[in-house]
Structures are given as structure tokens and as C-alpha cells.
PDB file of N, CA and C in Angstrom:
ATOM      1  N   UNK A   1     183.645 114.322 114.547  1.00  0.00           N
ATOM      2  CA  UNK A   1     182.499 115.048 115.063  1.00  0.00           C
ATOM      3  C   UNK A   1     182.799 116.541 114.956  1.00  0.00           C
ATOM      4  N   UNK A   2     181.800 117.273 114.550  1.00  0.00           N
ATOM      5  CA  UNK A   2     181.966 118.713 114.422  1.00  0.00           C
ATOM      6  C   UNK A   2     181.550 119.390 115.717  1.00  0.00           C
ATOM      7  N   UNK A   3     181.866 120.671 115.828  1.00  0.00           N
ATOM      8  CA  UNK A   3     181.417 121.424 117.001  1.00  0.00           C
ATOM      9  C   UNK A   3     179.902 121.514 116.980  1.00  0.00           C
ATOM     10  N   UNK A   4     179.263 121.419 118.146  1.00  0.00           N
ATOM     11  CA  UNK A   4     177.808 121.514 118.175  1.00  0.00           C
ATOM     12  C   UNK A   4     177.340 122.875 117.683  1.00  0.00           C
ATOM     13  N   UNK A   5     176.201 122.903 116.978  1.00  0.00           N
ATOM     14  CA  UNK A   5     175.667 124.196 116.548  1.00  0.00           C
ATOM     15  C   UNK A   5     175.202 124.977 117.754  1.00  0.00           C
ATOM     16  N   UNK A   6     175.055 126.261 117.568  1.00  0.00           N
ATOM     17  CA  UNK A   6     174.490 127.084 118.635  1.00  0.00           C
ATOM     18  C   UNK A   6     173.143 126.471 119.002  1.00  0.00           C
ATOM     19  N   UNK A   7     172.951 126.212 120.292  1.00  0.00           N
ATOM     20  CA  UNK A   7     171.718 125.554 120.713  1.00  0.00           C
ATOM     21  C   UNK A   7     170.540 126.515 120.596  1.00  0.00           C
ATOM     22  N   UNK A   8     169.784 126.343 119.549  1.00  0.00           N
ATOM     23  CA  UNK A   8     168.583 127.144 119.358  1.00  0.00           C
ATOM     24  C   UNK A   8     167.471 126.571 120.222  1.00  0.00           C
ATOM     25  N   UNK A   9     166.435 127.342 120.384  1.00  0.00           N
ATOM     26  CA  UNK A   9     165.283 126.875 121.149  1.00  0.00           C
ATOM     27  C   UNK A   9     164.693 125.625 120.503  1.00  0.00           C
ATOM     28  N   UNK A  10     164.655 125.583 119.176  1.00  0.00           N
ATOM     29  CA  UNK A  10     164.105 124.434 118.472  1.00  0.00           C
ATOM     30  C   UNK A  10     164.979 123.194 118.677  1.00  0.00           C
ATOM     31  N   UNK A  11     166.283 123.354 118.633  1.00  0.00           N
ATOM     32  CA  UNK A  11     167.194 122.235 118.859  1.00  0.00           C
ATOM     33  C   UNK A  11     167.055 121.713 120.288  1.00  0.00           C
ATOM     34  N   UNK A  12     166.976 122.611 121.255  1.00  0.00           N
ATOM     35  CA  UNK A  12     166.798 122.191 122.647  1.00  0.00           C
ATOM     36  C   UNK A  12     165.446 121.495 122.839  1.00  0.00           C
ATOM     37  N   UNK A  13     164.417 121.953 122.149  1.00  0.00           N
ATOM     38  CA  UNK A  13     163.109 121.296 122.214  1.00  0.00           C
ATOM     39  C   UNK A  13     163.203 119.874 121.656  1.00  0.00           C
ATOM     40  N   UNK A  14     163.931 119.715 120.567  1.00  0.00           N
ATOM     41  CA  UNK A  14     164.148 118.396 119.974  1.00  0.00           C
ATOM     42  C   UNK A  14     164.867 117.464 120.949  1.00  0.00           C
ATOM     43  N   UNK A  15     165.931 117.939 121.574  1.00  0.00           N
ATOM     44  CA  UNK A  15     166.678 117.126 122.533  1.00  0.00           C
ATOM     45  C   UNK A  15     165.800 116.739 123.724  1.00  0.00           C
ATOM     46  N   UNK A  16     165.010 117.678 124.220  1.00  0.00           N
ATOM     47  CA  UNK A  16     164.108 117.399 125.337  1.00  0.00           C
ATOM     48  C   UNK A  16     163.041 116.383 124.922  1.00  0.00           C
ATOM     49  N   UNK A  17     162.569 116.467 123.699  1.00  0.00           N
ATOM     50  CA  UNK A  17     161.570 115.535 123.173  1.00  0.00           C
ATOM     51  C   UNK A  17     162.131 114.114 123.165  1.00  0.00           C
ATOM     52  N   UNK A  18     163.372 113.961 122.739  1.00  0.00           N
ATOM     53  CA  UNK A  18     164.009 112.641 122.731  1.00  0.00           C
ATOM     54  C   UNK A  18     164.217 112.145 124.157  1.00  0.00           C
ATOM     55  N   UNK A  19     164.637 113.018 125.035  1.00  0.00           N
ATOM     56  CA  UNK A  19     164.921 112.650 126.421  1.00  0.00           C
ATOM     57  C   UNK A  19     163.655 112.261 127.197  1.00  0.00           C
ATOM     58  N   UNK A  20     162.504 112.785 126.795  1.00  0.00           N
ATOM     59  CA  UNK A  20     161.262 112.593 127.547  1.00  0.00           C
ATOM     60  C   UNK A  20     160.811 111.131 127.639  1.00  0.00           C
ATOM     61  N   UNK A  21     161.029 110.374 126.578  1.00  0.00           N
ATOM     62  CA  UNK A  21     160.639 108.957 126.576  1.00  0.00           C
ATOM     63  C   UNK A  21     161.319 108.271 125.392  1.00  0.00           C
ATOM     64  N   UNK A  22     161.335 106.954 125.384  1.00  0.00           N
ATOM     65  CA  UNK A  22     161.960 106.258 124.253  1.00  0.00           C
ATOM     66  C   UNK A  22     161.299 106.642 122.933  1.00  0.00           C
ATOM     67  N   UNK A  23     162.133 106.889 121.931  1.00  0.00           N
ATOM     68  CA  UNK A  23     161.650 107.251 120.592  1.00  0.00           C
ATOM     69  C   UNK A  23     162.321 106.347 119.576  1.00  0.00           C
ATOM     70  N   UNK A  24     161.617 106.066 118.482  1.00  0.00           N
ATOM     71  CA  UNK A  24     162.224 105.304 117.405  1.00  0.00           C
ATOM     72  C   UNK A  24     162.734 106.272 116.336  1.00  0.00           C
ATOM     73  N   UNK A  25     163.611 105.764 115.494  1.00  0.00           N
ATOM     74  CA  UNK A  25     164.127 106.567 114.382  1.00  0.00           C
ATOM     75  C   UNK A  25     162.967 107.036 113.509  1.00  0.00           C
ATOM     76  N   UNK A  26     162.061 106.120 113.198  1.00  0.00           N
ATOM     77  CA  UNK A  26     160.923 106.455 112.354  1.00  0.00           C
ATOM     78  C   UNK A  26     160.079 107.574 112.975  1.00  0.00           C
ATOM     79  N   UNK A  27     159.828 107.464 114.269  1.00  0.00           N
ATOM     80  CA  UNK A  27     159.050 108.484 114.975  1.00  0.00           C
ATOM     81  C   UNK A  27     159.769 109.839 114.944  1.00  0.00           C
ATOM     82  N   UNK A  28     161.060 109.821 115.174  1.00  0.00           N
ATOM     83  CA  UNK A  28     161.837 111.068 115.184  1.00  0.00           C
ATOM     84  C   UNK A  28     161.860 111.721 113.809  1.00  0.00           C
ATOM     85  N   UNK A  29     162.074 110.919 112.779  1.00  0.00           N
ATOM     86  CA  UNK A  29     162.116 111.467 111.420  1.00  0.00           C
ATOM     87  C   UNK A  29     160.741 112.012 111.026  1.00  0.00           C
ATOM     88  N   UNK A  30     159.695 111.270 111.327  1.00  0.00           N
ATOM     89  CA  UNK A  30     158.344 111.741 110.988  1.00  0.00           C
ATOM     90  C   UNK A  30     158.020 113.063 111.675  1.00  0.00           C
ATOM     91  N   UNK A  31     158.438 113.205 112.926  1.00  0.00           N
ATOM     92  CA  UNK A  31     158.109 114.404 113.694  1.00  0.00           C
ATOM     93  C   UNK A  31     159.048 115.575 113.422  1.00  0.00           C
ATOM     94  N   UNK A  32     160.305 115.310 113.096  1.00  0.00           N
ATOM     95  CA  UNK A  32     161.284 116.383 113.074  1.00  0.00           C
ATOM     96  C   UNK A  32     162.003 116.642 111.752  1.00  0.00           C
ATOM     97  N   UNK A  33     161.843 115.797 110.766  1.00  0.00           N
ATOM     98  CA  UNK A  33     162.500 116.075 109.485  1.00  0.00           C
ATOM     99  C   UNK A  33     161.809 117.260 108.828  1.00  0.00           C
ATOM    100  N   UNK A  34     162.589 118.104 108.220  1.00  0.00           N
ATOM    101  CA  UNK A  34     162.038 119.290 107.577  1.00  0.00           C
ATOM    102  C   UNK A  34     162.705 119.498 106.237  1.00  0.00           C
ATOM    103  N   UNK A  35     161.941 119.909 105.269  1.00  0.00           N
ATOM    104  CA  UNK A  35     162.520 120.263 103.979  1.00  0.00           C
ATOM    105  C   UNK A  35     162.910 121.731 103.958  1.00  0.00           C
ATOM    106  N   UNK A  36     162.631 122.420 105.058  1.00  0.00           N
ATOM    107  CA  UNK A  36     162.977 123.833 105.158  1.00  0.00           C
ATOM    108  C   UNK A  36     164.440 123.979 105.548  1.00  0.00           C
ATOM    109  N   UNK A  37     165.248 124.639 104.749  1.00  0.00           N
ATOM    110  CA  UNK A  37     166.672 124.765 105.085  1.00  0.00           C
ATOM    111  C   UNK A  37     166.938 125.596 106.340  1.00  0.00           C
ATOM    112  N   UNK A  38     165.943 126.294 106.837  1.00  0.00           N
ATOM    113  CA  UNK A  38     166.129 127.082 108.055  1.00  0.00           C
ATOM    114  C   UNK A  38     165.913 126.261 109.326  1.00  0.00           C
ATOM    115  N   UNK A  39     165.321 125.067 109.200  1.00  0.00           N
ATOM    116  CA  UNK A  39     165.000 124.265 110.378  1.00  0.00           C
ATOM    117  C   UNK A  39     165.460 122.813 110.236  1.00  0.00           C
ATOM    118  N   UNK A  40     166.727 122.579 109.957  1.00  0.00           N
ATOM    119  CA  UNK A  40     167.208 121.199 109.808  1.00  0.00           C
ATOM    120  C   UNK A  40     167.578 120.589 111.160  1.00  0.00           C
ATOM    121  N   UNK A  41     166.648 120.537 112.089  1.00  0.00           N
ATOM    122  CA  UNK A  41     166.934 120.140 113.467  1.00  0.00           C
ATOM    123  C   UNK A  41     167.548 118.746 113.536  1.00  0.00           C
ATOM    124  N   UNK A  42     166.912 117.775 112.887  1.00  0.00           N
ATOM    125  CA  UNK A  42     167.448 116.407 112.911  1.00  0.00           C
ATOM    126  C   UNK A  42     168.859 116.394 112.345  1.00  0.00           C
ATOM    127  N   UNK A  43     169.055 117.002 111.179  1.00  0.00           N
ATOM    128  CA  UNK A  43     170.369 117.004 110.535  1.00  0.00           C
ATOM    129  C   UNK A  43     171.421 117.689 111.397  1.00  0.00           C
ATOM    130  N   UNK A  44     171.099 118.825 111.991  1.00  0.00           N
ATOM    131  CA  UNK A  44     172.042 119.541 112.857  1.00  0.00           C
ATOM    132  C   UNK A  44     172.415 118.698 114.075  1.00  0.00           C
ATOM    133  N   UNK A  45     171.417 118.092 114.702  1.00  0.00           N
ATOM    134  CA  UNK A  45     171.667 117.306 115.908  1.00  0.00           C
ATOM    135  C   UNK A  45     172.512 116.069 115.592  1.00  0.00           C
ATOM    136  N   UNK A  46     172.213 115.401 114.501  1.00  0.00           N
ATOM    137  CA  UNK A  46     172.978 114.208 114.123  1.00  0.00           C
ATOM    138  C   UNK A  46     174.408 114.575 113.723  1.00  0.00           C
ATOM    139  N   UNK A  47     174.565 115.618 112.921  1.00  0.00           N
ATOM    140  CA  UNK A  47     175.897 116.027 112.471  1.00  0.00           C
ATOM    141  C   UNK A  47     176.776 116.488 113.627  1.00  0.00           C
ATOM    142  N   UNK A  48     176.171 117.084 114.644  1.00  0.00           N
ATOM    143  CA  UNK A  48     176.923 117.580 115.795  1.00  0.00           C
ATOM    144  C   UNK A  48     177.175 116.500 116.843  1.00  0.00           C
ATOM    145  N   UNK A  49     176.662 115.302 116.604  1.00  0.00           N
ATOM    146  CA  UNK A  49     176.871 114.224 117.564  1.00  0.00           C
ATOM    147  C   UNK A  49     176.026 114.361 118.815  1.00  0.00           C
ATOM    148  N   UNK A  50     174.882 115.041 118.716  1.00  0.00           N
ATOM    149  CA  UNK A  50     174.003 115.230 119.867  1.00  0.00           C
ATOM    150  C   UNK A  50     173.048 114.058 120.057  1.00  0.00           C
ATOM    151  N   UNK A  51     172.762 113.338 118.965  1.00  0.00           N
ATOM    152  CA  UNK A  51     171.877 112.179 119.003  1.00  0.00           C
ATOM    153  C   UNK A  51     172.544 111.021 118.266  1.00  0.00           C
ATOM    154  N   UNK A  52     172.067 109.819 118.568  1.00  0.00           N
ATOM    155  CA  UNK A  52     172.565 108.643 117.860  1.00  0.00           C
ATOM    156  C   UNK A  52     171.416 107.675 117.650  1.00  0.00           C
ATOM    157  N   UNK A  53     171.553 106.832 116.638  1.00  0.00           N
ATOM    158  CA  UNK A  53     170.575 105.791 116.345  1.00  0.00           C
ATOM    159  C   UNK A  53     171.152 104.485 116.876  1.00  0.00           C
ATOM    160  N   UNK A  54     170.387 103.810 117.722  1.00  0.00           N
ATOM    161  CA  UNK A  54     170.823 102.570 118.363  1.00  0.00           C
ATOM    162  C   UNK A  54     170.053 101.420 117.725  1.00  0.00           C
ATOM    163  N   UNK A  55     170.675 100.694 116.845  1.00  0.00           N
ATOM    164  CA  UNK A  55     169.961  99.646 116.105  1.00  0.00           C
ATOM    165  C   UNK A  55     169.743  98.389 116.922  1.00  0.00           C
ATOM    166  N   UNK A  56     170.719  97.887 117.624  1.00  0.00           N
ATOM    167  CA  UNK A  56     170.580  96.667 118.441  1.00  0.00           C
ATOM    168  C   UNK A  56     169.857  95.546 117.695  1.00  0.00           C
ATOM    169  N   UNK A  57     170.229  95.329 116.446  1.00  0.00           N
ATOM    170  CA  UNK A  57     169.631  94.254 115.662  1.00  0.00           C
ATOM    171  C   UNK A  57     168.314  94.595 115.001  1.00  0.00           C
ATOM    172  N   UNK A  58     167.755  95.758 115.294  1.00  0.00           N
ATOM    173  CA  UNK A  58     166.484  96.158 114.694  1.00  0.00           C
ATOM    174  C   UNK A  58     166.730  96.854 113.356  1.00  0.00           C
ATOM    175  N   UNK A  59     165.712  96.890 112.507  1.00  0.00           N
ATOM    176  CA  UNK A  59     165.872  97.660 111.277  1.00  0.00           C
ATOM    177  C   UNK A  59     165.884  99.147 111.650  1.00  0.00           C
ATOM    178  N   UNK A  60     166.327  99.970 110.729  1.00  0.00           N
ATOM    179  CA  UNK A  60     166.531 101.383 111.062  1.00  0.00           C
ATOM    180  C   UNK A  60     165.264 102.076 111.526  1.00  0.00           C
ATOM    181  N   UNK A  61     164.130 101.810 110.915  1.00  0.00           N
ATOM    182  CA  UNK A  61     162.912 102.530 111.309  1.00  0.00           C
ATOM    183  C   UNK A  61     162.480 102.196 112.731  1.00  0.00           C
ATOM    184  N   UNK A  62     162.816 101.000 113.225  1.00  0.00           N
ATOM    185  CA  UNK A  62     162.458 100.601 114.591  1.00  0.00           C
ATOM    186  C   UNK A  62     163.569 100.870 115.599  1.00  0.00           C
ATOM    187  N   UNK A  63     164.725 101.300 115.113  1.00  0.00           N
ATOM    188  CA  UNK A  63     165.865 101.552 115.995  1.00  0.00           C
ATOM    189  C   UNK A  63     165.570 102.719 116.930  1.00  0.00           C
ATOM    190  N   UNK A  64     166.133 102.657 118.112  1.00  0.00           N
ATOM    191  CA  UNK A  64     165.948 103.723 119.098  1.00  0.00           C
ATOM    192  C   UNK A  64     166.816 104.925 118.746  1.00  0.00           C
ATOM    193  N   UNK A  65     166.335 106.081 119.106  1.00  0.00           N
ATOM    194  CA  UNK A  65     167.114 107.315 118.995  1.00  0.00           C
ATOM    195  C   UNK A  65     167.411 107.761 120.417  1.00  0.00           C
ATOM    196  N   UNK A  66     168.666 108.106 120.679  1.00  0.00           N
ATOM    197  CA  UNK A  66     169.063 108.487 122.033  1.00  0.00           C
ATOM    198  C   UNK A  66     169.995 109.689 121.993  1.00  0.00           C
ATOM    199  N   UNK A  67     170.019 110.412 123.091  1.00  0.00           N
ATOM    200  CA  UNK A  67     170.976 111.504 123.223  1.00  0.00           C
ATOM    201  C   UNK A  67     172.354 110.921 123.503  1.00  0.00           C
ATOM    202  N   UNK A  68     173.372 111.562 122.978  1.00  0.00           N
ATOM    203  CA  UNK A  68     174.745 111.219 123.320  1.00  0.00           C
ATOM    204  C   UNK A  68     175.115 112.012 124.577  1.00  0.00           C
ATOM    205  N   UNK A  69     176.305 111.780 125.083  1.00  0.00           N
ATOM    206  CA  UNK A  69     176.762 112.573 126.229  1.00  0.00           C
ATOM    207  C   UNK A  69     176.801 114.054 125.858  1.00  0.00           C
ATOM    208  N   UNK A  70     177.220 114.341 124.645  1.00  0.00           N
ATOM    209  CA  UNK A  70     177.264 115.735 124.176  1.00  0.00           C
ATOM    210  C   UNK A  70     175.852 116.315 124.123  1.00  0.00           C
ATOM    211  N   UNK A  71     174.888 115.522 123.672  1.00  0.00           N
ATOM    212  CA  UNK A  71     173.503 115.968 123.623  1.00  0.00           C
ATOM    213  C   UNK A  71     172.929 116.224 124.996  1.00  0.00           C
ATOM    214  N   UNK A  72     173.217 115.321 125.944  1.00  0.00           N
ATOM    215  CA  UNK A  72     172.744 115.536 127.320  1.00  0.00           C
ATOM    216  C   UNK A  72     173.367 116.786 127.926  1.00  0.00           C
ATOM    217  N   UNK A  73     174.654 117.028 127.639  1.00  0.00           N
ATOM    218  CA  UNK A  73     175.313 118.223 128.153  1.00  0.00           C
ATOM    219  C   UNK A  73     174.695 119.481 127.560  1.00  0.00           C
ATOM    220  N   UNK A  74     174.392 119.452 126.267  1.00  0.00           N
ATOM    221  CA  UNK A  74     173.771 120.619 125.624  1.00  0.00           C
ATOM    222  C   UNK A  74     172.401 120.893 126.231  1.00  0.00           C
ATOM    223  N   UNK A  75     171.664 119.838 126.517  1.00  0.00           N
ATOM    224  CA  UNK A  75     170.328 120.000 127.096  1.00  0.00           C
ATOM    225  C   UNK A  75     170.398 120.543 128.519  1.00  0.00           C
ATOM    226  N   UNK A  76     171.415 120.165 129.259  1.00  0.00           N
ATOM    227  CA  UNK A  76     171.497 120.594 130.653  1.00  0.00           C
ATOM    228  C   UNK A  76     172.065 121.999 130.831  1.00  0.00           C
ATOM    229  N   UNK A  77     172.594 122.599 129.761  1.00  0.00           N
ATOM    230  CA  UNK A  77     173.127 123.962 129.851  1.00  0.00           C
ATOM    231  C   UNK A  77     172.043 124.986 130.040  1.00  0.00           C
TER     232      UNK A  77
END
């Protein structure tokens, strides 16, 4: 796991969005994936270990997305 990126307002908004209610991987990717290299929120959060995909036997698009302990700590700062 790499060091978490500097928590930008957009990254914190993403973490709060996930925390607000259960989200699926498909929902998260549809809402937050960006082709803009300046706003790779999903990629930054996943690479930093702030979020995880919880499959629990489901296919990836239906799998839950959840904050990790590191993600919850970043959100609470």
C-alpha cells in the first residue's frame, strides 16, 4: 500500500459519497471514473488503500465498495 494522496476536496467528497450508503462497484465507477488525468479520484483512492471492493461471491459490477480503515481515518480528519 502506498501513502495516501493529499486529501483533496474531491477525494473527501468521494469518500463521503461511499460512506453515505451502500454502493456497488458499477455505481462507483459510473459516477466517479474520469478520463481526465487531473481528477483520477477512483484510481487515487484505490491505489492508496482508501476503498476496497467486497465481492462476497458477487460479480464485480454488483460487488460492494467500502471504505477501508485508512479511508475512514482520512474522512474523519
